[in-house]
Amino acid sequence: MRKIYLCGPIMDEHEGQARAWREKAKKELVKDFVLLDPMRRNFKDREVDSANEIVEFDLQDIRDADIILVNYRKTSVRTSMEVFLCIP
């Protein structure tokens, strides 16, 4: 199955907002795609040393994805960076 990375604001977003659209996308797409949700990871226990790990895991998801589904509801430097990385 093809993989979709769910790209969109997380850091400066209310957690409910960051999750809500991803959950809706998962409900609609799970039958036909593997969904790569960056919010599936929990690094809150080790906030100081986890920032680099979060970025690396997300970049690997982007490399593994066939499709990037982007939510540009709100300006996000990180979301823009992830989209830029997808441009061949």
C-alpha atoms as a PDB file:
ATOM      1  CA  MET A   1       0.000   0.000   0.000  1.00  0.00           C
ATOM      2  CA  ARG A   2       1.094   3.546  -0.650  1.00  0.00           C
ATOM      3  CA  LYS A   3       2.117   5.676   2.323  1.00  0.00           C
ATOM      4  CA  ILE A   4       0.833   9.153   3.188  1.00  0.00           C
ATOM      5  CA  TYR A   5       2.690  11.486   5.559  1.00  0.00           C
ATOM      6  CA  LEU A   6       0.325  13.797   7.495  1.00  0.00           C
ATOM      7  CA  CYS A   7       2.142  17.130   7.406  1.00  0.00           C
ATOM      8  CA  GLY A   8       0.935  20.150   9.373  1.00  0.00           C
ATOM      9  CA  PRO A   9       1.549  22.396  12.384  1.00  0.00           C
ATOM     10  CA  ILE A  10       2.156  20.749  15.749  1.00  0.00           C
ATOM     11  CA  MET A  11       4.520  22.837  17.903  1.00  0.00           C
ATOM     12  CA  ASP A  12       2.557  26.096  18.150  1.00  0.00           C
ATOM     13  CA  GLU A  13      -0.795  24.435  17.708  1.00  0.00           C
ATOM     14  CA  HIS A  14      -3.327  23.449  20.329  1.00  0.00           C
ATOM     15  CA  GLU A  15      -2.944  19.675  20.635  1.00  0.00           C
ATOM     16  CA  GLY A  16      -6.597  19.065  19.863  1.00  0.00           C
ATOM     17  CA  GLN A  17      -6.293  20.991  16.601  1.00  0.00           C
ATOM     18  CA  ALA A  18      -3.094  19.212  15.609  1.00  0.00           C
ATOM     19  CA  ARG A  19      -4.746  15.835  16.178  1.00  0.00           C
ATOM     20  CA  ALA A  20      -8.285  16.483  14.914  1.00  0.00           C
ATOM     21  CA  TRP A  21      -7.577  16.798  11.200  1.00  0.00           C
ATOM     22  CA  ARG A  22      -5.113  13.891  11.316  1.00  0.00           C
ATOM     23  CA  GLU A  23      -7.715  11.640  12.962  1.00  0.00           C
ATOM     24  CA  LYS A  24     -10.260  12.589  10.307  1.00  0.00           C
ATOM     25  CA  ALA A  25      -7.746  11.853   7.532  1.00  0.00           C
ATOM     26  CA  LYS A  26      -6.947   8.485   9.102  1.00  0.00           C
ATOM     27  CA  LYS A  27     -10.635   7.511   9.222  1.00  0.00           C
ATOM     28  CA  GLU A  28     -11.083   8.394   5.567  1.00  0.00           C
ATOM     29  CA  LEU A  29      -7.836   6.952   4.183  1.00  0.00           C
ATOM     30  CA  VAL A  30      -6.836   4.003   6.380  1.00  0.00           C
ATOM     31  CA  LYS A  31      -8.446   1.406   4.107  1.00  0.00           C
ATOM     32  CA  ASP A  32      -6.357   2.377   1.100  1.00  0.00           C
ATOM     33  CA  PHE A  33      -3.130   3.800   2.545  1.00  0.00           C
ATOM     34  CA  VAL A  34      -0.578   3.458   5.321  1.00  0.00           C
ATOM     35  CA  LEU A  35      -0.727   6.715   7.281  1.00  0.00           C
ATOM     36  CA  LEU A  36       2.452   8.176   8.764  1.00  0.00           C
ATOM     37  CA  ASP A  37       1.317  10.444  11.585  1.00  0.00           C
ATOM     38  CA  PRO A  38       4.137  12.383  13.284  1.00  0.00           C
ATOM     39  CA  MET A  39       1.993  12.671  16.414  1.00  0.00           C
ATOM     40  CA  ARG A  40       2.184   8.928  17.013  1.00  0.00           C
ATOM     41  CA  ARG A  41       5.443   9.482  18.887  1.00  0.00           C
ATOM     42  CA  ASN A  42       5.633  10.748  22.471  1.00  0.00           C
ATOM     43  CA  PHE A  43       8.864  12.481  23.403  1.00  0.00           C
ATOM     44  CA  LYS A  44       7.569  14.519  26.346  1.00  0.00           C
ATOM     45  CA  ASP A  45       9.583  12.475  28.844  1.00  0.00           C
ATOM     46  CA  ARG A  46      12.906  13.651  27.373  1.00  0.00           C
ATOM     47  CA  GLU A  47      12.163  17.099  25.947  1.00  0.00           C
ATOM     48  CA  VAL A  48      15.754  18.366  26.046  1.00  0.00           C
ATOM     49  CA  ASP A  49      17.370  15.666  23.907  1.00  0.00           C
ATOM     50  CA  SER A  50      14.352  14.676  21.844  1.00  0.00           C
ATOM     51  CA  ALA A  51      14.145  17.617  19.397  1.00  0.00           C
ATOM     52  CA  ASN A  52      16.759  16.167  17.057  1.00  0.00           C
ATOM     53  CA  GLU A  53      15.173  12.722  17.279  1.00  0.00           C
ATOM     54  CA  ILE A  54      11.754  14.128  16.410  1.00  0.00           C
ATOM     55  CA  VAL A  55      13.160  15.851  13.325  1.00  0.00           C
ATOM     56  CA  GLU A  56      15.031  12.738  12.199  1.00  0.00           C
ATOM     57  CA  PHE A  57      12.004  10.465  12.614  1.00  0.00           C
ATOM     58  CA  ASP A  58       9.789  12.925  10.724  1.00  0.00           C
ATOM     59  CA  LEU A  59      12.347  13.251   7.922  1.00  0.00           C
ATOM     60  CA  GLN A  60      12.478   9.473   7.625  1.00  0.00           C
ATOM     61  CA  ASP A  61       8.684   9.367   7.392  1.00  0.00           C
ATOM     62  CA  ILE A  62       8.810  11.950   4.606  1.00  0.00           C
ATOM     63  CA  ARG A  63      11.418   9.909   2.726  1.00  0.00           C
ATOM     64  CA  ASP A  64       9.280   6.783   3.136  1.00  0.00           C
ATOM     65  CA  ALA A  65       6.048   8.480   2.008  1.00  0.00           C
ATOM     66  CA  ASP A  66       4.616   8.271  -1.479  1.00  0.00           C
ATOM     67  CA  ILE A  67       2.260  11.185  -0.817  1.00  0.00           C
ATOM     68  CA  ILE A  68       2.416  14.183   1.521  1.00  0.00           C
ATOM     69  CA  LEU A  69      -0.960  15.441   2.759  1.00  0.00           C
ATOM     70  CA  VAL A  70      -0.421  19.000   3.997  1.00  0.00           C
ATOM     71  CA  ASN A  71      -2.632  21.058   6.300  1.00  0.00           C
ATOM     72  CA  TYR A  72      -1.673  24.709   5.774  1.00  0.00           C
ATOM     73  CA  ARG A  73      -4.409  26.027   8.059  1.00  0.00           C
ATOM     74  CA  LYS A  74      -1.795  27.919  10.029  1.00  0.00           C
ATOM     75  CA  THR A  75       1.663  29.229   9.181  1.00  0.00           C
ATOM     76  CA  SER A  76       4.392  26.840  10.302  1.00  0.00           C
ATOM     77  CA  VAL A  77       8.108  26.999   9.562  1.00  0.00           C
ATOM     78  CA  ARG A  78       8.460  23.288  10.130  1.00  0.00           C
ATOM     79  CA  THR A  79       5.574  22.410   7.825  1.00  0.00           C
ATOM     80  CA  SER A  80       7.102  24.629   5.129  1.00  0.00           C
ATOM     81  CA  MET A  81      10.458  22.889   5.584  1.00  0.00           C
ATOM     82  CA  GLU A  82       8.840  19.450   5.270  1.00  0.00           C
ATOM     83  CA  VAL A  83       7.058  20.472   2.063  1.00  0.00           C
ATOM     84  CA  PHE A  84      10.270  21.960   0.646  1.00  0.00           C
ATOM     85  CA  LEU A  85      12.063  18.660   1.239  1.00  0.00           C
ATOM     86  CA  CYS A  86       9.518  16.914  -0.987  1.00  0.00           C
ATOM     87  CA  ILE A  87      10.305  19.026  -4.044  1.00  0.00           C
ATOM     88  CA  PRO A  88      12.481  17.001  -6.430  1.00  0.00           C
END
